[in-house]
Amino acid sequence: MSIIIIYAFTFAAVLLIAELILRRLFGRQRAAREVNERLERLKLRQDQSGAYSSLLQDRSLFRRGAGAFSPGDLTRLYRQSGLVLSRQRRVVYVIVILLGSFMVAQWIASTIWVQIPLALVICAATIVFLIIQIRAARIKKFVTQLPSAIDIIVRSLSAGHPLNAAIALVGREMPDPIGSEFGMLSDQLTFGLELDQAMLSMIDRVGADELNLLAVTVSVQRNTGGNLGEALENLSRMIRDRALLRGKIKAISAEGRITAVIMALFPAFLFLMIRTLVPTYFDPVWETGYGTQIVFGILAVMAFGALILRRLVTFDF
């Protein structure tokens, strides 16, 4: 059994090394393409509809069935993270994470019947956590770019351009992620989709709350009339003020957040320390036959406590 595990981790290590080498060799080319993925595809295809369709396919927006856009779905999180991974690469990543999770489970538990379900739980939690973190980083970058994009729209409207042309200008001039998203918005408007529906589609793709403000502003001004440029200018200023307020809140709550992290991780750290120093200390727990129930019960209580701590240090505004 131990030899098989050694072979498995050796295989995973070779895959990771190969992945790092490939990223090192082709990283610059990928970085250049990410300046604006939509413009790169337009350059390759010379066809707006083809580039638009390929972007939708990679963002998992061509789905059959009504469940493709269900709230809270892992597919939705993956789509909003902006990840574009081939099926083979996803399988490799899952295998590597599963092997690492099994190694951690072996360190925690001593019986195979506890190790297998624990490894699956750790693997699933790790994958969801990584996707959520990548999604949060992308949304943060998008929100940071949004005021500049709105400023471009305001200047374009002031120059006498229509709103569709202003949106297309953002898609051409801004880097990703906002460049490709506004480019896809422009494509949808070009192909005849209503502005309200196209904005809702972009909100679903991105997941940023600030986009709701932009959609409401554009929709109200478009339907009731008024100075859209002035409204967007005020919205840009408000989004910048929200970002400043968010930074102040993070600074004020920093002590509480680090306390919450320490309190959430301390039981796990204490368990691993005892397990390392005295490997047989928890053997009586597994010998009782209730080891699995005890482990999952403790994990559930810890998760509930971590959720409460997160609610205490999270501010909605």
Protein backbone atom coordinates (compact mmCIF):
# COMPACT_ATOMS: atom_id res chain seq x y z
CA MET A 1 0.00 0.00 0.00
CA SER A 2 2.80 2.45 0.94
CA ILE A 3 4.69 1.72 -2.32
CA ILE A 4 1.57 2.51 -4.35
CA ILE A 5 1.20 5.80 -2.50
CA ILE A 6 4.85 6.66 -3.15
CA TYR A 7 4.38 5.92 -6.87
CA ALA A 8 1.21 8.03 -6.92
CA PHE A 9 2.89 11.03 -5.35
CA THR A 10 5.88 10.65 -7.64
CA PHE A 11 3.53 10.74 -10.61
CA ALA A 12 1.79 13.82 -9.21
CA ALA A 13 5.14 15.55 -8.60
CA VAL A 14 6.23 14.89 -12.20
CA LEU A 15 2.93 16.33 -13.47
CA LEU A 16 3.36 19.45 -11.35
CA ILE A 17 6.96 19.94 -12.49
CA ALA A 18 5.89 19.56 -16.13
CA GLU A 19 3.09 22.06 -15.58
CA LEU A 20 5.51 24.57 -14.03
CA ILE A 21 7.94 24.15 -16.94
CA LEU A 22 5.18 24.67 -19.50
CA ARG A 23 3.94 27.74 -17.67
CA ARG A 24 7.49 29.09 -17.58
CA LEU A 25 7.99 28.52 -21.29
CA PHE A 26 4.62 29.79 -22.49
CA GLY A 27 3.73 32.18 -19.66
CA ARG A 28 4.67 35.32 -21.57
CA GLN A 29 2.57 34.36 -24.55
CA ARG A 30 -0.38 33.68 -22.25
CA ALA A 31 0.13 37.01 -20.45
CA ALA A 32 0.12 38.85 -23.77
CA ARG A 33 -3.12 37.12 -24.80
CA GLU A 34 -4.76 37.98 -21.48
CA VAL A 35 -4.43 41.71 -22.21
CA ASN A 36 -7.71 41.26 -24.01
CA GLU A 37 -8.80 37.70 -24.82
CA ARG A 38 -11.63 38.86 -27.04
CA LEU A 39 -9.39 41.01 -29.26
CA GLU A 40 -6.94 38.13 -29.58
CA ARG A 41 -9.69 35.81 -30.77
CA LEU A 42 -10.97 38.43 -33.19
CA LYS A 43 -7.46 38.69 -34.60
CA LEU A 44 -7.22 34.93 -35.07
CA ARG A 45 -10.72 34.34 -36.43
CA GLN A 46 -11.37 37.58 -38.34
CA ASP A 47 -15.01 36.91 -37.45
CA GLN A 48 -16.88 38.70 -34.67
CA SER A 49 -19.58 36.07 -34.27
CA GLY A 50 -17.01 33.25 -34.17
CA ALA A 51 -14.91 34.98 -31.50
CA TYR A 52 -18.04 35.73 -29.49
CA SER A 53 -19.22 32.10 -29.69
CA SER A 54 -15.83 30.72 -28.66
CA LEU A 55 -15.73 33.05 -25.64
CA LEU A 56 -19.19 31.93 -24.60
CA GLN A 57 -18.21 28.28 -24.93
CA ASP A 58 -15.07 28.75 -22.82
CA ARG A 59 -17.04 30.65 -20.18
CA SER A 60 -19.52 27.72 -20.00
CA LEU A 61 -22.46 29.84 -21.15
CA PHE A 62 -23.61 27.41 -23.85
CA ARG A 63 -25.51 24.93 -21.67
CA ARG A 64 -28.47 22.75 -22.27
CA GLY A 65 -31.08 22.70 -19.57
CA ALA A 66 -32.31 25.23 -17.08
CA GLY A 67 -29.85 24.30 -14.38
CA ALA A 68 -26.90 25.99 -16.04
CA PHE A 69 -27.59 29.32 -14.35
CA SER A 70 -28.89 28.10 -10.99
CA PRO A 71 -27.71 30.33 -8.10
CA GLY A 72 -25.10 28.87 -5.80
CA ASP A 73 -24.08 26.23 -8.32
CA LEU A 74 -20.39 25.32 -8.54
CA THR A 75 -20.64 25.87 -12.30
CA ARG A 76 -21.64 29.46 -11.63
CA LEU A 77 -18.64 29.99 -9.36
CA TYR A 78 -16.33 28.44 -11.95
CA ARG A 79 -17.78 30.65 -14.67
CA GLN A 80 -17.37 33.80 -12.59
CA SER A 81 -13.79 32.87 -11.72
CA GLY A 82 -12.83 33.32 -15.37
CA LEU A 83 -10.90 30.05 -15.45
CA VAL A 84 -10.55 28.47 -18.88
CA LEU A 85 -9.15 24.96 -18.36
CA SER A 86 -9.31 22.02 -20.70
CA ARG A 87 -10.96 18.82 -19.50
CA GLN A 88 -7.59 17.03 -19.35
CA ARG A 89 -6.04 19.76 -17.19
CA ARG A 90 -9.03 19.77 -14.83
CA VAL A 91 -8.69 16.00 -14.39
CA VAL A 92 -4.96 16.34 -13.66
CA TYR A 93 -5.56 19.07 -11.07
CA VAL A 94 -8.28 17.05 -9.35
CA ILE A 95 -6.03 13.98 -9.21
CA VAL A 96 -3.17 15.98 -7.71
CA ILE A 97 -5.43 17.60 -5.10
CA LEU A 98 -7.00 14.23 -4.28
CA LEU A 99 -3.59 12.65 -3.73
CA GLY A 100 -2.55 15.52 -1.48
CA SER A 101 -5.83 15.23 0.42
CA PHE A 102 -5.27 11.51 0.91
CA MET A 103 -1.80 12.21 2.31
CA VAL A 104 -3.30 14.67 4.81
CA ALA A 105 -6.04 12.16 5.69
CA GLN A 106 -3.40 9.49 6.32
CA TRP A 107 -1.68 11.84 8.71
CA ILE A 108 -4.92 12.57 10.57
CA ALA A 109 -6.54 9.12 10.69
CA SER A 110 -5.10 5.63 10.97
CA THR A 111 -7.84 3.50 9.38
CA ILE A 112 -8.57 3.38 5.66
CA TRP A 113 -12.33 3.66 6.23
CA VAL A 114 -11.81 7.07 7.81
CA GLN A 115 -9.05 8.17 5.44
CA ILE A 116 -11.07 7.73 2.21
CA PRO A 117 -14.15 9.86 3.10
CA LEU A 118 -11.94 12.40 4.88
CA ALA A 119 -9.75 12.71 1.76
CA LEU A 120 -12.81 13.24 -0.42
CA VAL A 121 -14.10 15.97 1.91
CA ILE A 122 -10.71 17.69 2.00
CA CYS A 123 -10.40 17.46 -1.80
CA ALA A 124 -13.86 18.93 -2.42
CA ALA A 125 -13.32 21.70 0.13
CA THR A 126 -9.94 22.58 -1.40
CA ILE A 127 -11.34 22.79 -4.92
CA VAL A 128 -14.27 24.98 -3.84
CA PHE A 129 -11.97 27.18 -1.76
CA LEU A 130 -9.55 27.71 -4.66
CA ILE A 131 -12.36 28.56 -7.09
CA ILE A 132 -13.88 31.02 -4.60
CA GLN A 133 -10.51 32.71 -4.05
CA ILE A 134 -9.81 33.01 -7.80
CA ARG A 135 -13.33 34.35 -8.34
CA ALA A 136 -12.90 36.92 -5.56
CA ALA A 137 -9.57 38.08 -7.02
CA ARG A 138 -11.12 38.47 -10.47
CA ILE A 139 -14.13 40.40 -9.13
CA LYS A 140 -11.80 42.66 -7.15
CA LYS A 141 -9.78 43.41 -10.27
CA PHE A 142 -12.97 44.00 -12.26
CA VAL A 143 -14.35 46.44 -9.67
CA THR A 144 -11.00 48.26 -9.58
CA GLN A 145 -11.17 48.73 -13.35
CA LEU A 146 -14.87 49.65 -13.45
CA PRO A 147 -14.56 53.39 -12.58
CA SER A 148 -11.99 53.85 -15.36
CA ALA A 149 -14.29 52.04 -17.79
CA ILE A 150 -17.20 54.27 -16.79
CA ASP A 151 -14.99 57.33 -17.29
CA ILE A 152 -14.25 56.15 -20.83
CA ILE A 153 -17.99 55.78 -21.49
CA VAL A 154 -18.64 59.28 -20.10
CA ARG A 155 -15.95 60.85 -22.30
CA SER A 156 -17.22 58.96 -25.33
CA LEU A 157 -20.79 60.12 -24.69
CA SER A 158 -19.55 63.69 -24.22
CA ALA A 159 -17.88 63.44 -27.64
CA GLY A 160 -21.26 62.60 -29.18
CA HIS A 161 -20.87 58.84 -29.61
CA PRO A 162 -23.85 56.53 -28.96
CA LEU A 163 -23.85 54.26 -25.91
CA ASN A 164 -23.15 51.11 -27.96
CA ALA A 165 -20.03 52.71 -29.46
CA ALA A 166 -18.88 53.81 -25.99
CA ILE A 167 -19.27 50.24 -24.67
CA ALA A 168 -17.35 48.88 -27.66
CA LEU A 169 -14.57 51.39 -26.96
CA VAL A 170 -14.19 50.04 -23.42
CA GLY A 171 -13.96 46.52 -24.87
CA ARG A 172 -11.13 47.61 -27.17
CA GLU A 173 -9.14 49.83 -24.84
CA MET A 174 -9.36 48.17 -21.43
CA PRO A 175 -7.39 45.06 -20.39
CA ASP A 176 -9.01 41.92 -19.04
CA PRO A 177 -11.15 41.06 -17.22
CA ILE A 178 -13.25 44.14 -17.93
CA GLY A 179 -12.13 44.45 -21.55
CA SER A 180 -13.43 41.08 -22.67
CA GLU A 181 -16.61 41.39 -20.60
CA PHE A 182 -17.54 44.74 -22.14
CA GLY A 183 -16.48 43.39 -25.52
CA MET A 184 -18.92 40.50 -25.12
CA LEU A 185 -21.57 43.03 -24.01
CA SER A 186 -20.92 45.00 -27.21
CA ASP A 187 -21.18 41.81 -29.28
CA GLN A 188 -24.52 40.93 -27.69
CA LEU A 189 -25.87 44.40 -28.47
CA THR A 190 -24.56 44.12 -32.03
CA PHE A 191 -26.37 40.79 -32.50
CA GLY A 192 -29.68 42.35 -31.42
CA LEU A 193 -29.97 41.59 -27.70
CA GLU A 194 -31.69 44.27 -25.62
CA LEU A 195 -29.41 46.35 -23.40
CA ASP A 196 -31.18 45.28 -20.19
CA GLN A 197 -30.84 41.59 -21.05
CA ALA A 198 -27.21 42.02 -22.10
CA MET A 199 -26.41 43.78 -18.82
CA LEU A 200 -28.09 41.00 -16.82
CA SER A 201 -26.03 38.46 -18.75
CA MET A 202 -22.81 40.31 -17.87
CA ILE A 203 -23.85 40.53 -14.22
CA ASP A 204 -24.35 36.75 -14.23
CA ARG A 205 -20.93 36.20 -15.84
CA VAL A 206 -19.01 38.51 -13.49
CA GLY A 207 -20.84 38.44 -10.15
CA ALA A 208 -19.83 41.97 -9.04
CA ASP A 209 -22.43 43.92 -7.06
CA GLU A 210 -21.28 47.21 -8.57
CA LEU A 211 -22.50 46.03 -11.97
CA ASN A 212 -26.05 46.07 -10.60
CA LEU A 213 -25.64 49.80 -9.96
CA LEU A 214 -24.38 50.34 -13.49
CA ALA A 215 -27.25 48.32 -14.97
CA VAL A 216 -29.87 50.24 -12.96
CA THR A 217 -28.33 53.60 -13.88
CA VAL A 218 -28.18 52.85 -17.59
CA SER A 219 -31.67 51.31 -17.65
CA VAL A 220 -33.35 54.18 -15.78
CA GLN A 221 -31.65 56.90 -17.79
CA ARG A 222 -32.34 55.07 -21.05
CA ASN A 223 -36.06 54.67 -20.30
CA THR A 224 -36.79 58.00 -18.61
CA GLY A 225 -34.31 60.27 -20.35
CA GLY A 226 -31.85 62.65 -18.75
CA ASN A 227 -28.12 63.24 -18.79
CA LEU A 228 -26.63 59.74 -18.85
CA GLY A 229 -23.07 61.08 -18.81
CA GLU A 230 -23.65 62.99 -15.58
CA ALA A 231 -25.33 59.99 -13.95
CA LEU A 232 -22.44 57.71 -14.91
CA GLU A 233 -19.93 60.26 -13.66
CA ASN A 234 -21.64 60.28 -10.26
CA LEU A 235 -21.72 56.46 -10.30
CA SER A 236 -17.98 56.33 -11.01
CA ARG A 237 -17.32 58.63 -8.06
CA MET A 238 -19.57 56.52 -5.81
CA ILE A 239 -17.80 53.27 -6.77
CA ARG A 240 -14.46 54.85 -5.90
CA ASP A 241 -15.87 56.01 -2.56
CA ARG A 242 -17.14 52.46 -1.91
CA ALA A 243 -13.67 51.08 -2.59
CA LEU A 244 -12.18 53.61 -0.16
CA LEU A 245 -14.77 52.68 2.47
CA ARG A 246 -14.07 48.99 1.93
CA GLY A 247 -10.37 49.61 2.56
CA LYS A 248 -11.14 51.48 5.79
CA ILE A 249 -13.41 48.68 6.99
CA LYS A 250 -10.71 46.07 6.30
CA ALA A 251 -8.18 48.15 8.26
CA ILE A 252 -10.54 48.60 11.22
CA SER A 253 -11.56 44.92 11.32
CA ALA A 254 -8.03 43.54 10.75
CA GLU A 255 -7.53 42.60 14.41
CA GLY A 256 -10.87 40.81 14.59
CA ARG A 257 -10.24 38.93 11.35
CA ILE A 258 -6.80 37.68 12.38
CA THR A 259 -8.26 36.62 15.74
CA ALA A 260 -10.97 34.68 13.93
CA VAL A 261 -8.38 32.93 11.75
CA ILE A 262 -6.25 31.96 14.76
CA MET A 263 -9.27 30.65 16.69
CA ALA A 264 -10.45 28.64 13.68
CA LEU A 265 -7.05 27.09 12.94
CA PHE A 266 -5.81 26.51 16.49
CA PRO A 267 -7.74 23.23 17.10
CA ALA A 268 -6.46 21.76 13.83
CA PHE A 269 -2.90 22.91 14.61
CA LEU A 270 -3.08 21.41 18.12
CA PHE A 271 -4.36 18.10 16.73
CA LEU A 272 -1.60 17.91 14.11
CA MET A 273 1.06 18.79 16.67
CA ILE A 274 -0.09 16.04 19.05
CA ARG A 275 -0.41 13.61 16.15
CA THR A 276 3.19 14.36 15.12
CA LEU A 277 4.71 14.17 18.59
CA VAL A 278 2.68 11.16 19.82
CA PRO A 279 1.36 9.24 16.76
CA THR A 280 -0.53 6.68 18.89
CA TYR A 281 -2.25 9.25 21.12
CA PHE A 282 -5.58 9.13 19.26
CA ASP A 283 -5.58 5.38 18.53
CA PRO A 284 -8.18 4.64 21.25
CA VAL A 285 -10.59 6.93 19.40
CA TRP A 286 -10.34 4.85 16.21
CA GLU A 287 -10.50 1.59 18.15
CA THR A 288 -13.90 2.48 19.58
CA GLY A 289 -15.45 2.25 16.10
CA TYR A 290 -16.88 5.78 16.32
CA GLY A 291 -13.81 7.53 14.93
CA THR A 292 -15.49 8.58 11.67
CA GLN A 293 -18.53 10.05 13.41
CA ILE A 294 -16.31 11.89 15.90
CA VAL A 295 -14.08 13.37 13.18
CA PHE A 296 -16.94 14.59 11.02
CA GLY A 297 -18.81 15.89 14.07
CA ILE A 298 -15.77 17.92 15.13
CA LEU A 299 -15.30 19.24 11.57
CA ALA A 300 -18.96 20.27 11.42
CA VAL A 301 -18.74 22.12 14.76
CA MET A 302 -15.49 23.82 13.66
CA ALA A 303 -17.07 24.86 10.36
CA PHE A 304 -20.08 26.28 12.22
CA GLY A 305 -17.80 28.20 14.57
CA ALA A 306 -15.76 29.54 11.67
CA LEU A 307 -18.98 30.69 10.00
CA ILE A 308 -20.05 32.57 13.14
CA LEU A 309 -16.63 34.21 13.43
CA ARG A 310 -16.79 35.23 9.78
CA ARG A 311 -20.19 36.82 10.28
CA LEU A 312 -18.83 38.77 13.26
CA VAL A 313 -16.00 40.36 11.25
CA THR A 314 -17.83 40.79 7.91
CA PHE A 315 -19.56 44.10 7.24
CA ASP A 316 -22.20 44.65 4.58
CA PHE A 317 -22.45 48.13 3.15
